[in-house]
Amino acid sequence: MKQNLEIEFKTLLTVEEYTRLLKTFFRNASSHQQINTYFDTDTLDLFKENKMVRIRHLGHVQEFTMKVPMTKHSVMEHSFTQEEIMSDDPKVIEFLHSVNVDKPIHPISKSDTLRTTLVTDFGEFALDQTTYDHSIDYELELEMIDDSVNGEELFFNFLEEYSINYKPSSPKFLRSLVDFKVIDKLPPKY
């Protein structure tokens, strides 16, 4: 199981902002599809502990991930990749037991993202169009590679340069829970 501290900054976009970035900053960038299925127990124990579990389909492989928030802009990711992963996979069950989750998990929501990425010296920009069951949204993320650089300043300078108004963005996982009516609204802390 890999462990990675992910530091990222993000904003929701209008469709116009998304299209403009796609035609300018991301014009020579590559795109790929990410299909996420999110999991929890029957009583939403992971959600109550601010944890997210997903299985992501990336072409011919799948990735299991648990994310645990650390600070406002960082999460600890625990993940592994293999050809096929089911929620009752022995590696999944063993990991969940190691973090005191002893109940079975099952799918609770999903998202399908067309992600366009561009790597810079200090981080990776991702431009996302995400489809849920009843809605579509657009988002810009900057995941930092070099933590010695002030990522927040870089991100907000980028938004200013491209005339994008910052719109707070909760995690896709939470947006999918609202879309799938697992929860009524986003929790106030997000």
C-alpha atoms as a PDB file:
ATOM      1  CA  MET A   1       0.000   0.000   0.000  1.00  0.00           C
ATOM      2  CA  LYS A   2       1.493   3.338  -1.086  1.00  0.00           C
ATOM      3  CA  GLN A   3       1.129   6.363   1.133  1.00  0.00           C
ATOM      4  CA  ASN A   4       1.292   9.903  -0.255  1.00  0.00           C
ATOM      5  CA  LEU A   5       0.630  13.368   1.155  1.00  0.00           C
ATOM      6  CA  GLU A   6      -1.333  15.214  -1.533  1.00  0.00           C
ATOM      7  CA  ILE A   7      -1.262  19.028  -1.415  1.00  0.00           C
ATOM      8  CA  GLU A   8      -3.763  20.592  -3.792  1.00  0.00           C
ATOM      9  CA  PHE A   9      -5.627  23.795  -4.521  1.00  0.00           C
ATOM     10  CA  LYS A  10      -8.832  23.874  -6.533  1.00  0.00           C
ATOM     11  CA  THR A  11     -11.753  25.930  -7.733  1.00  0.00           C
ATOM     12  CA  LEU A  12     -15.012  25.189  -9.475  1.00  0.00           C
ATOM     13  CA  LEU A  13     -15.290  26.668 -12.958  1.00  0.00           C
ATOM     14  CA  THR A  14     -18.078  27.850 -15.178  1.00  0.00           C
ATOM     15  CA  VAL A  15     -18.380  26.030 -18.501  1.00  0.00           C
ATOM     16  CA  GLU A  16     -17.053  29.197 -20.183  1.00  0.00           C
ATOM     17  CA  GLU A  17     -13.929  29.255 -17.936  1.00  0.00           C
ATOM     18  CA  TYR A  18     -13.404  25.537 -18.529  1.00  0.00           C
ATOM     19  CA  THR A  19     -13.647  25.944 -22.321  1.00  0.00           C
ATOM     20  CA  ARG A  20     -11.326  28.960 -22.310  1.00  0.00           C
ATOM     21  CA  LEU A  21      -8.644  27.107 -20.297  1.00  0.00           C
ATOM     22  CA  LEU A  22      -8.998  24.057 -22.553  1.00  0.00           C
ATOM     23  CA  LYS A  23      -8.303  26.249 -25.612  1.00  0.00           C
ATOM     24  CA  THR A  24      -5.432  28.243 -24.055  1.00  0.00           C
ATOM     25  CA  PHE A  25      -3.373  26.902 -21.144  1.00  0.00           C
ATOM     26  CA  PHE A  26      -4.310  23.223 -21.769  1.00  0.00           C
ATOM     27  CA  ARG A  27      -4.345  23.354 -25.607  1.00  0.00           C
ATOM     28  CA  ASN A  28      -1.453  20.848 -25.968  1.00  0.00           C
ATOM     29  CA  ALA A  29      -2.244  18.775 -22.871  1.00  0.00           C
ATOM     30  CA  SER A  30      -3.333  15.145 -22.765  1.00  0.00           C
ATOM     31  CA  SER A  31      -6.707  13.896 -21.490  1.00  0.00           C
ATOM     32  CA  HIS A  32      -7.887  10.637 -19.954  1.00  0.00           C
ATOM     33  CA  GLN A  33     -11.015   9.258 -18.331  1.00  0.00           C
ATOM     34  CA  GLN A  34     -11.327   8.393 -14.636  1.00  0.00           C
ATOM     35  CA  ILE A  35     -14.375   6.465 -13.460  1.00  0.00           C
ATOM     36  CA  ASN A  36     -14.684   6.533  -9.668  1.00  0.00           C
ATOM     37  CA  THR A  37     -16.934   4.367  -7.540  1.00  0.00           C
ATOM     38  CA  TYR A  38     -17.156   5.558  -3.932  1.00  0.00           C
ATOM     39  CA  PHE A  39     -17.723   3.163  -1.040  1.00  0.00           C
ATOM     40  CA  ASP A  40     -18.850   3.273   2.575  1.00  0.00           C
ATOM     41  CA  THR A  41     -20.508   1.103   5.192  1.00  0.00           C
ATOM     42  CA  ASP A  42     -24.304   0.894   5.556  1.00  0.00           C
ATOM     43  CA  THR A  43     -24.118   3.467   8.353  1.00  0.00           C
ATOM     44  CA  LEU A  44     -21.667   5.814   6.523  1.00  0.00           C
ATOM     45  CA  ASP A  45     -18.917   5.243   9.085  1.00  0.00           C
ATOM     46  CA  LEU A  46     -16.167   6.443   6.727  1.00  0.00           C
ATOM     47  CA  PHE A  47     -18.051   9.631   5.862  1.00  0.00           C
ATOM     48  CA  LYS A  48     -18.584  10.339   9.580  1.00  0.00           C
ATOM     49  CA  GLU A  49     -14.809  10.058  10.096  1.00  0.00           C
ATOM     50  CA  ASN A  50     -14.022  12.322   7.086  1.00  0.00           C
ATOM     51  CA  LYS A  51     -12.556   9.402   5.135  1.00  0.00           C
ATOM     52  CA  MET A  52     -13.168   8.643   1.487  1.00  0.00           C
ATOM     53  CA  VAL A  53     -12.771   5.249  -0.167  1.00  0.00           C
ATOM     54  CA  ARG A  54     -12.925   4.796  -3.909  1.00  0.00           C
ATOM     55  CA  ILE A  55     -12.007   2.370  -6.639  1.00  0.00           C
ATOM     56  CA  ARG A  56     -10.890   4.225  -9.750  1.00  0.00           C
ATOM     57  CA  HIS A  57     -11.001   2.646 -13.201  1.00  0.00           C
ATOM     58  CA  LEU A  58      -8.089   3.837 -15.332  1.00  0.00           C
ATOM     59  CA  GLY A  59      -8.253   1.951 -18.611  1.00  0.00           C
ATOM     60  CA  HIS A  60      -6.946  -1.565 -17.990  1.00  0.00           C
ATOM     61  CA  VAL A  61      -6.098  -1.133 -14.301  1.00  0.00           C
ATOM     62  CA  GLN A  62      -7.931  -0.134 -11.159  1.00  0.00           C
ATOM     63  CA  GLU A  63      -6.759   1.817  -8.125  1.00  0.00           C
ATOM     64  CA  PHE A  64      -8.040   1.516  -4.570  1.00  0.00           C
ATOM     65  CA  THR A  65      -7.650   4.741  -2.563  1.00  0.00           C
ATOM     66  CA  MET A  66      -8.525   5.938   0.914  1.00  0.00           C
ATOM     67  CA  LYS A  67      -8.130   9.681   1.492  1.00  0.00           C
ATOM     68  CA  VAL A  68      -7.922  11.219   4.950  1.00  0.00           C
ATOM     69  CA  PRO A  69      -7.872  15.049   5.263  1.00  0.00           C
ATOM     70  CA  MET A  70      -4.801  16.424   7.053  1.00  0.00           C
ATOM     71  CA  THR A  71      -5.061  20.228   6.603  1.00  0.00           C
ATOM     72  CA  LYS A  72      -7.162  22.657   4.560  1.00  0.00           C
ATOM     73  CA  HIS A  73      -5.201  21.864   1.393  1.00  0.00           C
ATOM     74  CA  SER A  74      -3.769  18.388   2.036  1.00  0.00           C
ATOM     75  CA  VAL A  75      -4.921  14.788   2.333  1.00  0.00           C
ATOM     76  CA  MET A  76      -3.094  11.576   3.103  1.00  0.00           C
ATOM     77  CA  GLU A  77      -3.684   9.021   0.360  1.00  0.00           C
ATOM     78  CA  HIS A  78      -3.341   5.282   0.882  1.00  0.00           C
ATOM     79  CA  SER A  79      -3.548   3.384  -2.409  1.00  0.00           C
ATOM     80  CA  PHE A  80      -2.662   0.356  -4.483  1.00  0.00           C
ATOM     81  CA  THR A  81      -3.195  -0.550  -8.116  1.00  0.00           C
ATOM     82  CA  GLN A  82      -3.920  -3.882  -9.760  1.00  0.00           C
ATOM     83  CA  GLU A  83      -5.779  -5.254 -12.762  1.00  0.00           C
ATOM     84  CA  GLU A  84      -9.109  -5.674 -10.956  1.00  0.00           C
ATOM     85  CA  ILE A  85     -10.209  -4.635  -7.468  1.00  0.00           C
ATOM     86  CA  MET A  86     -13.461  -5.495  -5.723  1.00  0.00           C
ATOM     87  CA  SER A  87     -14.609  -4.132  -2.358  1.00  0.00           C
ATOM     88  CA  ASP A  88     -14.158  -7.609  -0.839  1.00  0.00           C
ATOM     89  CA  ASP A  89     -10.602  -7.984  -2.176  1.00  0.00           C
ATOM     90  CA  PRO A  90      -8.365  -9.386   0.628  1.00  0.00           C
ATOM     91  CA  LYS A  91      -5.996  -6.374   0.296  1.00  0.00           C
ATOM     92  CA  VAL A  92      -8.931  -3.974   0.723  1.00  0.00           C
ATOM     93  CA  ILE A  93     -10.317  -5.847   3.722  1.00  0.00           C
ATOM     94  CA  GLU A  94      -6.888  -6.089   5.349  1.00  0.00           C
ATOM     95  CA  PHE A  95      -6.272  -2.366   4.898  1.00  0.00           C
ATOM     96  CA  LEU A  96      -9.730  -1.425   6.205  1.00  0.00           C
ATOM     97  CA  HIS A  97      -9.165  -3.606   9.291  1.00  0.00           C
ATOM     98  CA  SER A  98      -5.840  -1.820   9.851  1.00  0.00           C
ATOM     99  CA  VAL A  99      -7.723   1.502  10.092  1.00  0.00           C
ATOM    100  CA  ASN A 100     -10.470   0.033  12.327  1.00  0.00           C
ATOM    101  CA  VAL A 101     -13.168  -0.414   9.684  1.00  0.00           C
ATOM    102  CA  ASP A 102     -14.621  -3.842  10.376  1.00  0.00           C
ATOM    103  CA  LYS A 103     -17.931  -3.574   8.532  1.00  0.00           C
ATOM    104  CA  PRO A 104     -18.347  -4.446   4.844  1.00  0.00           C
ATOM    105  CA  ILE A 105     -18.304  -1.561   2.385  1.00  0.00           C
ATOM    106  CA  HIS A 106     -20.507  -1.157  -0.671  1.00  0.00           C
ATOM    107  CA  PRO A 107     -20.888   1.369  -3.527  1.00  0.00           C
ATOM    108  CA  ILE A 108     -22.715   4.569  -2.553  1.00  0.00           C
ATOM    109  CA  SER A 109     -22.049   6.925  -5.485  1.00  0.00           C
ATOM    110  CA  LYS A 110     -19.905   7.431  -8.565  1.00  0.00           C
ATOM    111  CA  SER A 111     -18.375  10.011 -10.862  1.00  0.00           C
ATOM    112  CA  ASP A 112     -16.952   9.983 -14.377  1.00  0.00           C
ATOM    113  CA  THR A 113     -14.234  12.568 -15.045  1.00  0.00           C
ATOM    114  CA  LEU A 114     -12.596  13.646 -18.262  1.00  0.00           C
ATOM    115  CA  ARG A 115      -9.257  14.929 -16.896  1.00  0.00           C
ATOM    116  CA  THR A 116      -6.836  17.053 -18.886  1.00  0.00           C
ATOM    117  CA  THR A 117      -3.417  17.419 -17.229  1.00  0.00           C
ATOM    118  CA  LEU A 118      -0.362  19.580 -17.636  1.00  0.00           C
ATOM    119  CA  VAL A 119       2.797  19.162 -15.532  1.00  0.00           C
ATOM    120  CA  THR A 120       4.867  22.221 -14.620  1.00  0.00           C
ATOM    121  CA  ASP A 121       8.097  22.536 -12.607  1.00  0.00           C
ATOM    122  CA  PHE A 122       6.198  22.977  -9.333  1.00  0.00           C
ATOM    123  CA  GLY A 123       3.008  20.947  -9.790  1.00  0.00           C
ATOM    124  CA  GLU A 124       0.414  19.311 -11.983  1.00  0.00           C
ATOM    125  CA  PHE A 125      -2.603  21.241 -13.218  1.00  0.00           C
ATOM    126  CA  ALA A 126      -5.763  19.226 -13.860  1.00  0.00           C
ATOM    127  CA  LEU A 127      -8.808  20.483 -15.724  1.00  0.00           C
ATOM    128  CA  ASP A 128     -11.828  18.287 -14.982  1.00  0.00           C
ATOM    129  CA  GLN A 129     -15.267  17.828 -16.479  1.00  0.00           C
ATOM    130  CA  THR A 130     -17.093  15.509 -14.078  1.00  0.00           C
ATOM    131  CA  THR A 131     -20.417  13.814 -14.715  1.00  0.00           C
ATOM    132  CA  TYR A 132     -22.473  12.433 -11.838  1.00  0.00           C
ATOM    133  CA  ASP A 133     -25.871  10.773 -12.007  1.00  0.00           C
ATOM    134  CA  HIS A 134     -27.851  14.033 -12.389  1.00  0.00           C
ATOM    135  CA  SER A 135     -25.293  16.775 -12.985  1.00  0.00           C
ATOM    136  CA  ILE A 136     -22.011  17.901 -14.556  1.00  0.00           C
ATOM    137  CA  ASP A 137     -19.432  20.247 -13.072  1.00  0.00           C
ATOM    138  CA  TYR A 138     -16.066  21.737 -14.032  1.00  0.00           C
ATOM    139  CA  GLU A 139     -13.017  22.176 -11.835  1.00  0.00           C
ATOM    140  CA  LEU A 140      -9.400  23.293 -11.913  1.00  0.00           C
ATOM    141  CA  GLU A 141      -6.870  21.673  -9.554  1.00  0.00           C
ATOM    142  CA  LEU A 142      -3.210  22.291  -8.857  1.00  0.00           C
ATOM    143  CA  GLU A 143      -1.471  19.396  -7.108  1.00  0.00           C
ATOM    144  CA  MET A 144       1.904  20.475  -5.792  1.00  0.00           C
ATOM    145  CA  ILE A 145       5.059  18.502  -6.617  1.00  0.00           C
ATOM    146  CA  ASP A 146       7.486  20.934  -4.983  1.00  0.00           C
ATOM    147  CA  ASP A 147       6.312  21.700  -1.443  1.00  0.00           C
ATOM    148  CA  SER A 148       9.001  24.384  -1.028  1.00  0.00           C
ATOM    149  CA  VAL A 149       6.941  26.615  -3.352  1.00  0.00           C
ATOM    150  CA  ASN A 150       3.946  28.599  -2.061  1.00  0.00           C
ATOM    151  CA  GLY A 151       1.222  26.695  -3.919  1.00  0.00           C
ATOM    152  CA  GLU A 152      -1.622  28.882  -2.718  1.00  0.00           C
ATOM    153  CA  GLU A 153       0.040  32.028  -4.066  1.00  0.00           C
ATOM    154  CA  LEU A 154       0.833  30.332  -7.392  1.00  0.00           C
ATOM    155  CA  PHE A 155      -2.731  29.079  -7.725  1.00  0.00           C
ATOM    156  CA  PHE A 156      -4.358  32.433  -7.040  1.00  0.00           C
ATOM    157  CA  ASN A 157      -1.905  34.211  -9.360  1.00  0.00           C
ATOM    158  CA  PHE A 158      -2.886  31.705 -12.071  1.00  0.00           C
ATOM    159  CA  LEU A 159      -6.596  32.417 -11.498  1.00  0.00           C
ATOM    160  CA  GLU A 160      -5.951  36.152 -11.770  1.00  0.00           C
ATOM    161  CA  GLU A 161      -3.882  35.733 -14.936  1.00  0.00           C
ATOM    162  CA  TYR A 162      -6.709  33.783 -16.610  1.00  0.00           C
ATOM    163  CA  SER A 163      -9.516  36.005 -15.206  1.00  0.00           C
ATOM    164  CA  ILE A 164     -11.099  33.197 -13.192  1.00  0.00           C
ATOM    165  CA  ASN A 165     -13.151  33.999 -10.098  1.00  0.00           C
ATOM    166  CA  TYR A 166     -12.325  31.631  -7.236  1.00  0.00           C
ATOM    167  CA  LYS A 167     -15.284  29.421  -6.314  1.00  0.00           C
ATOM    168  CA  PRO A 168     -14.677  27.047  -3.363  1.00  0.00           C
ATOM    169  CA  SER A 169     -14.727  23.414  -4.406  1.00  0.00           C
ATOM    170  CA  SER A 170     -15.610  20.550  -2.104  1.00  0.00           C
ATOM    171  CA  PRO A 171     -14.152  17.120  -2.978  1.00  0.00           C
ATOM    172  CA  LYS A 172     -15.779  15.294  -5.916  1.00  0.00           C
ATOM    173  CA  PHE A 173     -16.664  12.525  -3.498  1.00  0.00           C
ATOM    174  CA  LEU A 174     -18.889  14.864  -1.472  1.00  0.00           C
ATOM    175  CA  ARG A 175     -20.411  16.397  -4.593  1.00  0.00           C
ATOM    176  CA  SER A 176     -21.283  12.876  -5.770  1.00  0.00           C
ATOM    177  CA  LEU A 177     -22.930  12.089  -2.420  1.00  0.00           C
ATOM    178  CA  VAL A 178     -25.194  15.114  -2.822  1.00  0.00           C
ATOM    179  CA  ASP A 179     -25.957  14.247  -6.454  1.00  0.00           C
ATOM    180  CA  PHE A 180     -26.797  10.642  -5.544  1.00  0.00           C
ATOM    181  CA  LYS A 181     -28.871  11.879  -2.577  1.00  0.00           C
ATOM    182  CA  VAL A 182     -26.774   9.952  -0.062  1.00  0.00           C
ATOM    183  CA  ILE A 183     -26.588  13.239   1.867  1.00  0.00           C
ATOM    184  CA  ASP A 184     -28.880  16.267   1.533  1.00  0.00           C
ATOM    185  CA  LYS A 185     -26.220  18.961   1.350  1.00  0.00           C
ATOM    186  CA  LEU A 186     -22.497  19.501   1.733  1.00  0.00           C
ATOM    187  CA  PRO A 187     -21.278  19.521   5.329  1.00  0.00           C
ATOM    188  CA  PRO A 188     -20.474  23.056   6.587  1.00  0.00           C
ATOM    189  CA  LYS A 189     -16.761  22.271   7.081  1.00  0.00           C
ATOM    190  CA  TYR A 190     -16.344  21.766   3.341  1.00  0.00           C
END
